[in-house]
Protein backbone atom coordinates (compact mmCIF):
# COMPACT_ATOMS: atom_id res chain seq x y z
CA MET A 1 -3.46 93.96 58.95
CA ALA A 2 -0.21 94.66 60.81
CA ASP A 3 -1.51 98.08 61.92
CA ALA A 4 -4.59 96.53 63.52
CA ALA A 5 -2.89 93.48 65.06
CA LYS A 6 -2.12 93.38 68.77
CA VAL A 7 0.80 91.00 68.23
CA PRO A 8 3.83 91.31 65.93
CA VAL A 9 3.10 90.34 62.33
CA ILE A 10 5.72 89.01 59.93
CA ASN A 11 4.76 89.18 56.30
CA GLU A 12 5.67 85.99 54.46
CA GLU A 13 7.02 87.83 51.48
CA ASP A 14 7.33 91.44 50.54
CA SER A 15 7.71 90.97 46.80
CA ALA A 16 9.16 88.66 44.20
CA GLU A 17 12.57 89.54 45.64
CA GLN A 18 12.17 88.70 49.33
CA TYR A 19 11.23 85.65 51.37
CA SER A 20 11.51 86.96 54.92
CA THR A 21 9.94 84.09 56.86
CA LYS A 22 12.27 81.58 55.20
CA ALA A 23 15.27 83.73 56.14
CA LEU A 24 14.08 83.96 59.76
CA LEU A 25 13.58 80.20 59.85
CA ASP A 26 17.08 79.66 58.44
CA ILE A 27 18.66 81.99 61.04
CA TYR A 28 16.68 80.26 63.81
CA THR A 29 17.74 76.81 62.59
CA LEU A 30 21.41 77.82 62.41
CA GLN A 31 21.22 79.20 65.96
CA LYS A 32 19.44 76.11 67.28
CA GLU A 33 21.65 73.54 65.54
CA LYS A 34 25.01 75.28 66.04
CA GLY A 35 24.29 76.93 69.39
CA SER A 36 25.63 80.27 68.18
CA LEU A 37 25.81 82.37 65.04
CA LYS A 38 29.41 83.38 65.74
CA ASN A 39 32.17 82.27 63.40
CA LEU A 40 29.83 80.40 61.05
CA LYS A 41 30.50 80.04 57.35
CA VAL A 42 27.33 79.71 55.32
CA LEU A 43 27.63 78.40 51.77
CA MET A 44 24.79 79.44 49.48
CA ILE A 45 24.48 77.42 46.29
CA GLY A 46 21.87 78.22 43.71
CA ASP A 47 20.60 80.87 41.36
CA LEU A 48 22.21 83.88 42.99
CA LYS A 49 20.54 86.36 40.67
CA TYR A 50 16.88 85.35 40.94
CA ASP A 51 16.57 83.14 44.05
CA ARG A 52 14.71 85.22 46.63
CA THR A 53 15.70 82.81 49.43
CA VAL A 54 19.39 83.62 48.90
CA HIS A 55 18.66 87.36 48.80
CA SER A 56 16.58 87.28 51.97
CA LEU A 57 19.06 85.18 53.95
CA SER A 58 21.91 87.45 52.83
CA TYR A 59 20.05 90.50 54.18
CA ALA A 60 19.13 88.67 57.39
CA MET A 61 22.78 87.76 58.03
CA VAL A 62 24.02 91.39 57.87
CA PRO A 63 23.58 92.13 61.61
CA PHE A 64 25.64 89.04 62.48
CA HIS A 65 29.03 90.38 61.42
CA SER A 66 30.83 87.26 62.64
CA MET A 67 29.00 85.09 60.09
CA GLU A 68 30.71 84.61 56.74
CA ASP A 69 28.60 83.99 53.69
CA ILE A 70 30.07 82.26 50.64
CA TYR A 71 28.23 82.22 47.32
CA MET A 72 28.62 79.56 44.67
CA PRO A 73 26.35 79.44 41.63
CA PRO A 74 25.88 76.09 39.91
CA MET A 75 27.74 75.60 36.63
CA CYS A 76 24.66 76.49 34.58
CA CYS A 77 24.41 79.93 36.23
CA ARG A 78 28.06 80.98 36.23
CA CYS A 79 29.35 83.69 34.00
CA ARG A 80 31.94 82.79 31.35
CA MET A 81 34.88 84.14 33.33
CA ILE A 82 34.10 81.99 36.40
CA SER A 83 33.36 78.92 34.27
CA SER A 84 36.71 79.20 32.49
CA MET A 85 38.57 79.47 35.82
CA THR A 86 37.28 76.16 37.16
C-alpha cells in the first residue's frame, strides 16, 4: 500500500513489539503541551519488557538528545534486586 500511495503512509504497528503511531502521537503531544522537546524528563511507568508503547516511544525519543527518559516498572514487574532496594 505504501508503495502505491501518493501521500506518506504511517503503519499503525510493525509487529507485536512496536506501536509507531502511538509514539508519534506522544511526541506530538509533548511538543504541543510543553512548547519544546528540549530539557524534558519523561517518566515511563509500566511493563518495560513487554509494553510495545514504551518500546516505541523510547525509539522515537532517540533523535531528541536533550530529552531524558526515566523508566520505572511497577512493583509487580521489578526484579528481586530492585524490589529489595526500595
